[in-house]
Amino acid sequence: MDYVQRIRKRIGTQPLVVAGATVLVQNEQGELLFQYRKDTKEWGLPGGAMEPGETLEQTAVRELKEETGLIAGHVRQVATYSGEDFFYRF
């Protein structure tokens, strides 16, 4: 059970603020990798929630490997998004 699942078990369905990372994977032709998410039934980018002690870059590398099996090469933070427009309910 990961960190978010453990916290969720304690607080139930109350809103929970969680930092996370999303990864843009681009091939030599400039195409982006999308994945079909079984949980939301939508196409999206690989990524997920930060675990205690991780940096955002470490989160991105871990989530990419967990979700796609790919090992990240060069990783750099491109942008930070927050606020009401980025509220997501699982």
C-alpha atoms as a PDB file:
ATOM      1  CA  MET A   1       0.000   0.000   0.000  1.00  0.00           C
ATOM      2  CA  ASP A   2       1.506   3.342  -1.028  1.00  0.00           C
ATOM      3  CA  TYR A   3       1.570   6.575   0.957  1.00  0.00           C
ATOM      4  CA  VAL A   4      -1.600   8.076  -0.541  1.00  0.00           C
ATOM      5  CA  GLN A   5      -3.549   4.855   0.003  1.00  0.00           C
ATOM      6  CA  ARG A   6      -2.464   4.761   3.659  1.00  0.00           C
ATOM      7  CA  ILE A   7      -3.529   8.397   4.208  1.00  0.00           C
ATOM      8  CA  ARG A   8      -6.789   7.858   2.321  1.00  0.00           C
ATOM      9  CA  LYS A   9      -7.579   4.874   4.555  1.00  0.00           C
ATOM     10  CA  ARG A  10      -7.297   7.151   7.606  1.00  0.00           C
ATOM     11  CA  ILE A  11      -9.220  10.203   6.361  1.00  0.00           C
ATOM     12  CA  GLY A  12     -11.783   8.600   4.079  1.00  0.00           C
ATOM     13  CA  THR A  13     -13.129  10.693   1.207  1.00  0.00           C
ATOM     14  CA  GLN A  14     -12.146  14.138   2.529  1.00  0.00           C
ATOM     15  CA  PRO A  15     -10.123  16.223   0.054  1.00  0.00           C
ATOM     16  CA  LEU A  16      -6.419  15.429   0.175  1.00  0.00           C
ATOM     17  CA  VAL A  17      -3.739  17.703  -1.285  1.00  0.00           C
ATOM     18  CA  VAL A  18      -1.038  15.593  -2.939  1.00  0.00           C
ATOM     19  CA  ALA A  19       1.939  16.667  -5.040  1.00  0.00           C
ATOM     20  CA  GLY A  20       2.648  14.611  -8.109  1.00  0.00           C
ATOM     21  CA  ALA A  21       4.573  14.502 -11.350  1.00  0.00           C
ATOM     22  CA  THR A  22       3.545  13.910 -14.933  1.00  0.00           C
ATOM     23  CA  VAL A  23       6.060  12.890 -17.575  1.00  0.00           C
ATOM     24  CA  LEU A  24       6.280  14.051 -21.175  1.00  0.00           C
ATOM     25  CA  VAL A  25       8.027  11.321 -23.164  1.00  0.00           C
ATOM     26  CA  GLN A  26       8.967  12.353 -26.679  1.00  0.00           C
ATOM     27  CA  ASN A  27      10.449  10.165 -29.417  1.00  0.00           C
ATOM     28  CA  GLU A  28      12.848  11.267 -32.149  1.00  0.00           C
ATOM     29  CA  GLN A  29       9.902  12.297 -34.358  1.00  0.00           C
ATOM     30  CA  GLY A  30       8.596  14.609 -31.633  1.00  0.00           C
ATOM     31  CA  GLU A  31       5.597  12.389 -30.859  1.00  0.00           C
ATOM     32  CA  LEU A  32       4.366  12.231 -27.249  1.00  0.00           C
ATOM     33  CA  LEU A  33       3.628   9.030 -25.353  1.00  0.00           C
ATOM     34  CA  PHE A  34       0.080   8.672 -24.016  1.00  0.00           C
ATOM     35  CA  GLN A  35      -1.308   5.764 -22.037  1.00  0.00           C
ATOM     36  CA  TYR A  36      -4.850   4.525 -21.601  1.00  0.00           C
ATOM     37  CA  ARG A  37      -5.718   4.700 -17.910  1.00  0.00           C
ATOM     38  CA  LYS A  38      -7.858   1.815 -16.700  1.00  0.00           C
ATOM     39  CA  ASP A  39      -8.858   3.737 -13.551  1.00  0.00           C
ATOM     40  CA  THR A  40     -10.343   6.774 -15.322  1.00  0.00           C
ATOM     41  CA  LYS A  41     -10.990   5.235 -18.783  1.00  0.00           C
ATOM     42  CA  GLU A  42      -9.119   8.166 -20.372  1.00  0.00           C
ATOM     43  CA  TRP A  43      -5.911   8.743 -22.295  1.00  0.00           C
ATOM     44  CA  GLY A  44      -3.275  10.595 -20.324  1.00  0.00           C
ATOM     45  CA  LEU A  45       0.378  11.100 -19.597  1.00  0.00           C
ATOM     46  CA  PRO A  46       2.364   8.795 -17.299  1.00  0.00           C
ATOM     47  CA  GLY A  47       2.656  10.117 -13.779  1.00  0.00           C
ATOM     48  CA  GLY A  48       1.442   9.902 -10.239  1.00  0.00           C
ATOM     49  CA  ALA A  49       1.712  10.926  -6.615  1.00  0.00           C
ATOM     50  CA  MET A  50       4.883  11.807  -4.767  1.00  0.00           C
ATOM     51  CA  GLU A  51       6.071   9.490  -1.987  1.00  0.00           C
ATOM     52  CA  PRO A  52       7.629  10.865   1.232  1.00  0.00           C
ATOM     53  CA  GLY A  53      11.266  11.866   0.747  1.00  0.00           C
ATOM     54  CA  GLU A  54      11.121  12.059  -3.062  1.00  0.00           C
ATOM     55  CA  THR A  55      11.838  15.029  -5.264  1.00  0.00           C
ATOM     56  CA  LEU A  56       9.450  15.749  -8.133  1.00  0.00           C
ATOM     57  CA  GLU A  57      12.090  14.452 -10.543  1.00  0.00           C
ATOM     58  CA  GLN A  58      12.411  11.192  -8.586  1.00  0.00           C
ATOM     59  CA  THR A  59       8.632  10.859  -8.601  1.00  0.00           C
ATOM     60  CA  ALA A  60       8.581  11.311 -12.371  1.00  0.00           C
ATOM     61  CA  VAL A  61      11.283   8.664 -12.925  1.00  0.00           C
ATOM     62  CA  ARG A  62       9.585   6.150 -10.592  1.00  0.00           C
ATOM     63  CA  GLU A  63       6.110   6.660 -12.020  1.00  0.00           C
ATOM     64  CA  LEU A  64       7.359   6.379 -15.602  1.00  0.00           C
ATOM     65  CA  LYS A  65       8.992   3.022 -14.819  1.00  0.00           C
ATOM     66  CA  GLU A  66       5.979   1.743 -12.843  1.00  0.00           C
ATOM     67  CA  GLU A  67       3.442   2.704 -15.488  1.00  0.00           C
ATOM     68  CA  THR A  68       5.314   2.038 -18.734  1.00  0.00           C
ATOM     69  CA  GLY A  69       8.430   0.016 -17.930  1.00  0.00           C
ATOM     70  CA  LEU A  70      10.533   2.779 -19.497  1.00  0.00           C
ATOM     71  CA  ILE A  71      13.654   4.075 -17.767  1.00  0.00           C
ATOM     72  CA  ALA A  72      13.997   7.850 -17.932  1.00  0.00           C
ATOM     73  CA  GLY A  73      17.074   9.430 -19.434  1.00  0.00           C
ATOM     74  CA  HIS A  74      17.243  13.172 -19.004  1.00  0.00           C
ATOM     75  CA  VAL A  75      14.574  14.525 -16.618  1.00  0.00           C
ATOM     76  CA  ARG A  76      13.948  18.203 -15.961  1.00  0.00           C
ATOM     77  CA  GLN A  77      11.058  20.103 -14.480  1.00  0.00           C
ATOM     78  CA  VAL A  78       9.223  22.058 -17.171  1.00  0.00           C
ATOM     79  CA  ALA A  79       6.396  23.701 -15.258  1.00  0.00           C
ATOM     80  CA  THR A  80       4.395  23.654 -12.043  1.00  0.00           C
ATOM     81  CA  TYR A  81       0.619  23.715 -12.141  1.00  0.00           C
ATOM     82  CA  SER A  82      -1.714  24.315  -9.211  1.00  0.00           C
ATOM     83  CA  GLY A  83      -4.976  25.934  -8.253  1.00  0.00           C
ATOM     84  CA  GLU A  84      -8.633  25.366  -8.877  1.00  0.00           C
ATOM     85  CA  ASP A  85      -8.189  24.556 -12.575  1.00  0.00           C
ATOM     86  CA  PHE A  86      -6.014  21.578 -11.648  1.00  0.00           C
ATOM     87  CA  PHE A  87      -8.192  20.041  -8.934  1.00  0.00           C
ATOM     88  CA  TYR A  88      -8.766  16.392  -9.786  1.00  0.00           C
ATOM     89  CA  ARG A  89     -11.089  13.979  -8.020  1.00  0.00           C
ATOM     90  CA  PHE A  90     -10.214  10.262  -8.172  1.00  0.00           C
END
